Amino acid sequence: MFDRLRESWAGRARARRAEKGSRDERTHNLFEAAAVHVAASAEDDRDRMDEAAEWVSPEALSFGVGELARRAVIALARERGESPQAVARALLGLPPA
């Protein structure tokens, strides 16, 4: 199932590059893909999200997004002088534990 999804995404990426006339074939790593995907999501840029999702496998993107979330919560917790759990719950609009 995932192989078919990857093939479909890769085909769309090739088609998009052909449409744009882009010759940029460089390899993107999972952290770059996750950063672009999350930033594009925050900006409601669906095209950029789709592009970043084509750079790596769905599993790798999921891992990268999770790692980005973990690092962001830790950074905010340090900034605020709060626990990571308190920050994560506040970001999601959950009541304190």
C-alpha atoms as a PDB file:
ATOM      1  CA  MET A   1       0.000   0.000   0.000  1.00  0.00           C
ATOM      2  CA  PHE A   2       2.708   2.496   0.991  1.00  0.00           C
ATOM      3  CA  ASP A   3       4.722   1.566  -2.091  1.00  0.00           C
ATOM      4  CA  ARG A   4       1.818   2.616  -4.297  1.00  0.00           C
ATOM      5  CA  LEU A   5       1.464   5.884  -2.380  1.00  0.00           C
ATOM      6  CA  ARG A   6       5.180   6.615  -2.714  1.00  0.00           C
ATOM      7  CA  GLU A   7       5.063   5.852  -6.441  1.00  0.00           C
ATOM      8  CA  SER A   8       2.070   8.147  -6.831  1.00  0.00           C
ATOM      9  CA  TRP A   9       3.767  10.968  -4.916  1.00  0.00           C
ATOM     10  CA  ALA A  10       6.994  10.519  -6.853  1.00  0.00           C
ATOM     11  CA  GLY A  11       5.040  10.675 -10.118  1.00  0.00           C
ATOM     12  CA  ARG A  12       3.293  13.862  -9.044  1.00  0.00           C
ATOM     13  CA  ALA A  13       6.633  15.388  -8.027  1.00  0.00           C
ATOM     14  CA  ARG A  14       8.147  14.579 -11.439  1.00  0.00           C
ATOM     15  CA  ALA A  15       5.097  16.014 -13.194  1.00  0.00           C
ATOM     16  CA  ARG A  16       5.204  19.182 -11.096  1.00  0.00           C
ATOM     17  CA  ARG A  17       8.919  19.664 -11.797  1.00  0.00           C
ATOM     18  CA  ALA A  18       8.313  19.108 -15.513  1.00  0.00           C
ATOM     19  CA  GLU A  19       5.514  21.697 -15.476  1.00  0.00           C
ATOM     20  CA  LYS A  20       7.725  24.231 -13.732  1.00  0.00           C
ATOM     21  CA  GLY A  21      10.697  23.377 -15.897  1.00  0.00           C
ATOM     22  CA  SER A  22      12.731  22.802 -12.735  1.00  0.00           C
ATOM     23  CA  ARG A  23      15.900  20.780 -12.883  1.00  0.00           C
ATOM     24  CA  ASP A  24      16.389  20.811  -9.087  1.00  0.00           C
ATOM     25  CA  GLU A  25      16.934  17.150  -8.308  1.00  0.00           C
ATOM     26  CA  ARG A  26      18.776  17.628  -5.008  1.00  0.00           C
ATOM     27  CA  THR A  27      17.989  15.330  -2.136  1.00  0.00           C
ATOM     28  CA  HIS A  28      16.133  16.689   0.883  1.00  0.00           C
ATOM     29  CA  ASN A  29      16.511  15.170   4.320  1.00  0.00           C
ATOM     30  CA  LEU A  30      13.630  14.320   6.637  1.00  0.00           C
ATOM     31  CA  PHE A  31      14.236  17.284   8.956  1.00  0.00           C
ATOM     32  CA  GLU A  32      14.195  19.750   6.074  1.00  0.00           C
ATOM     33  CA  ALA A  33      10.998  18.146   4.777  1.00  0.00           C
ATOM     34  CA  ALA A  34       9.412  18.309   8.241  1.00  0.00           C
ATOM     35  CA  ALA A  35      10.387  21.973   8.754  1.00  0.00           C
ATOM     36  CA  VAL A  36       9.005  23.006   5.366  1.00  0.00           C
ATOM     37  CA  HIS A  37       5.850  20.910   5.830  1.00  0.00           C
ATOM     38  CA  VAL A  38       5.055  22.326   9.286  1.00  0.00           C
ATOM     39  CA  ALA A  39       5.838  25.927   8.300  1.00  0.00           C
ATOM     40  CA  ALA A  40       3.687  25.586   5.178  1.00  0.00           C
ATOM     41  CA  SER A  41       0.883  24.120   7.271  1.00  0.00           C
ATOM     42  CA  ALA A  42       1.069  27.090   9.631  1.00  0.00           C
ATOM     43  CA  GLU A  43       0.827  29.387   6.609  1.00  0.00           C
ATOM     44  CA  ASP A  44      -1.958  27.305   5.028  1.00  0.00           C
ATOM     45  CA  ASP A  45       0.187  26.707   1.927  1.00  0.00           C
ATOM     46  CA  ARG A  46      -1.112  23.365   0.637  1.00  0.00           C
ATOM     47  CA  ASP A  47       1.132  23.315  -2.441  1.00  0.00           C
ATOM     48  CA  ARG A  48       4.288  23.702  -0.353  1.00  0.00           C
ATOM     49  CA  MET A  49       3.048  21.053   2.101  1.00  0.00           C
ATOM     50  CA  ASP A  50       2.498  18.634  -0.770  1.00  0.00           C
ATOM     51  CA  GLU A  51       5.915  19.410  -2.193  1.00  0.00           C
ATOM     52  CA  ALA A  52       7.670  18.743   1.128  1.00  0.00           C
ATOM     53  CA  ALA A  53       5.675  15.533   1.580  1.00  0.00           C
ATOM     54  CA  GLU A  54       7.088  14.280  -1.723  1.00  0.00           C
ATOM     55  CA  TRP A  55      10.713  14.664  -0.598  1.00  0.00           C
ATOM     56  CA  VAL A  56      10.689  11.769   1.884  1.00  0.00           C
ATOM     57  CA  SER A  57       8.595   8.745   2.742  1.00  0.00           C
ATOM     58  CA  PRO A  58       5.432   9.261   4.798  1.00  0.00           C
ATOM     59  CA  GLU A  59       7.091   7.450   7.699  1.00  0.00           C
ATOM     60  CA  ALA A  60      10.145   9.714   7.587  1.00  0.00           C
ATOM     61  CA  LEU A  61       7.990  12.836   7.385  1.00  0.00           C
ATOM     62  CA  SER A  62       5.950  11.670  10.370  1.00  0.00           C
ATOM     63  CA  PHE A  63       9.127  11.058  12.367  1.00  0.00           C
ATOM     64  CA  GLY A  64      10.513  14.472  11.407  1.00  0.00           C
ATOM     65  CA  VAL A  65       7.292  16.275  12.345  1.00  0.00           C
ATOM     66  CA  GLY A  66       7.249  14.473  15.702  1.00  0.00           C
ATOM     67  CA  GLU A  67      10.882  15.395  16.345  1.00  0.00           C
ATOM     68  CA  LEU A  68      10.181  19.024  15.412  1.00  0.00           C
ATOM     69  CA  ALA A  69       7.212  19.086  17.814  1.00  0.00           C
ATOM     70  CA  ARG A  70       9.313  17.576  20.605  1.00  0.00           C
ATOM     71  CA  ARG A  71      12.088  20.123  20.120  1.00  0.00           C
ATOM     72  CA  ALA A  72       9.616  23.019  19.922  1.00  0.00           C
ATOM     73  CA  VAL A  73       7.898  21.996  23.158  1.00  0.00           C
ATOM     74  CA  ILE A  74      11.258  21.688  24.932  1.00  0.00           C
ATOM     75  CA  ALA A  75      12.363  25.115  23.675  1.00  0.00           C
ATOM     76  CA  LEU A  76       9.087  26.758  24.729  1.00  0.00           C
ATOM     77  CA  ALA A  77       9.202  25.057  28.123  1.00  0.00           C
ATOM     78  CA  ARG A  78      12.700  26.417  28.748  1.00  0.00           C
ATOM     79  CA  GLU A  79      11.653  29.894  27.599  1.00  0.00           C
ATOM     80  CA  ARG A  80       8.580  29.909  29.820  1.00  0.00           C
ATOM     81  CA  GLY A  81      10.142  28.142  32.778  1.00  0.00           C
ATOM     82  CA  GLU A  82       7.412  25.502  32.647  1.00  0.00           C
ATOM     83  CA  SER A  83       7.374  21.746  32.224  1.00  0.00           C
ATOM     84  CA  PRO A  84       7.156  20.300  28.710  1.00  0.00           C
ATOM     85  CA  GLN A  85       3.858  18.647  29.694  1.00  0.00           C
ATOM     86  CA  ALA A  86       2.347  21.985  30.755  1.00  0.00           C
ATOM     87  CA  VAL A  87       3.473  23.638  27.524  1.00  0.00           C
ATOM     88  CA  ALA A  88       2.194  20.802  25.319  1.00  0.00           C
ATOM     89  CA  ARG A  89      -1.200  20.816  27.044  1.00  0.00           C
ATOM     90  CA  ALA A  90      -1.450  24.610  26.766  1.00  0.00           C
ATOM     91  CA  LEU A  91      -0.588  24.533  23.046  1.00  0.00           C
ATOM     92  CA  LEU A  92      -3.377  22.036  22.479  1.00  0.00           C
ATOM     93  CA  GLY A  93      -5.866  23.974  24.607  1.00  0.00           C
ATOM     94  CA  LEU A  94      -6.080  21.224  27.227  1.00  0.00           C
ATOM     95  CA  PRO A  95      -6.572  21.930  30.923  1.00  0.00           C
ATOM     96  CA  PRO A  96      -3.533  21.601  33.185  1.00  0.00           C
ATOM     97  CA  ALA A  97      -2.888  18.080  34.429  1.00  0.00           C
END
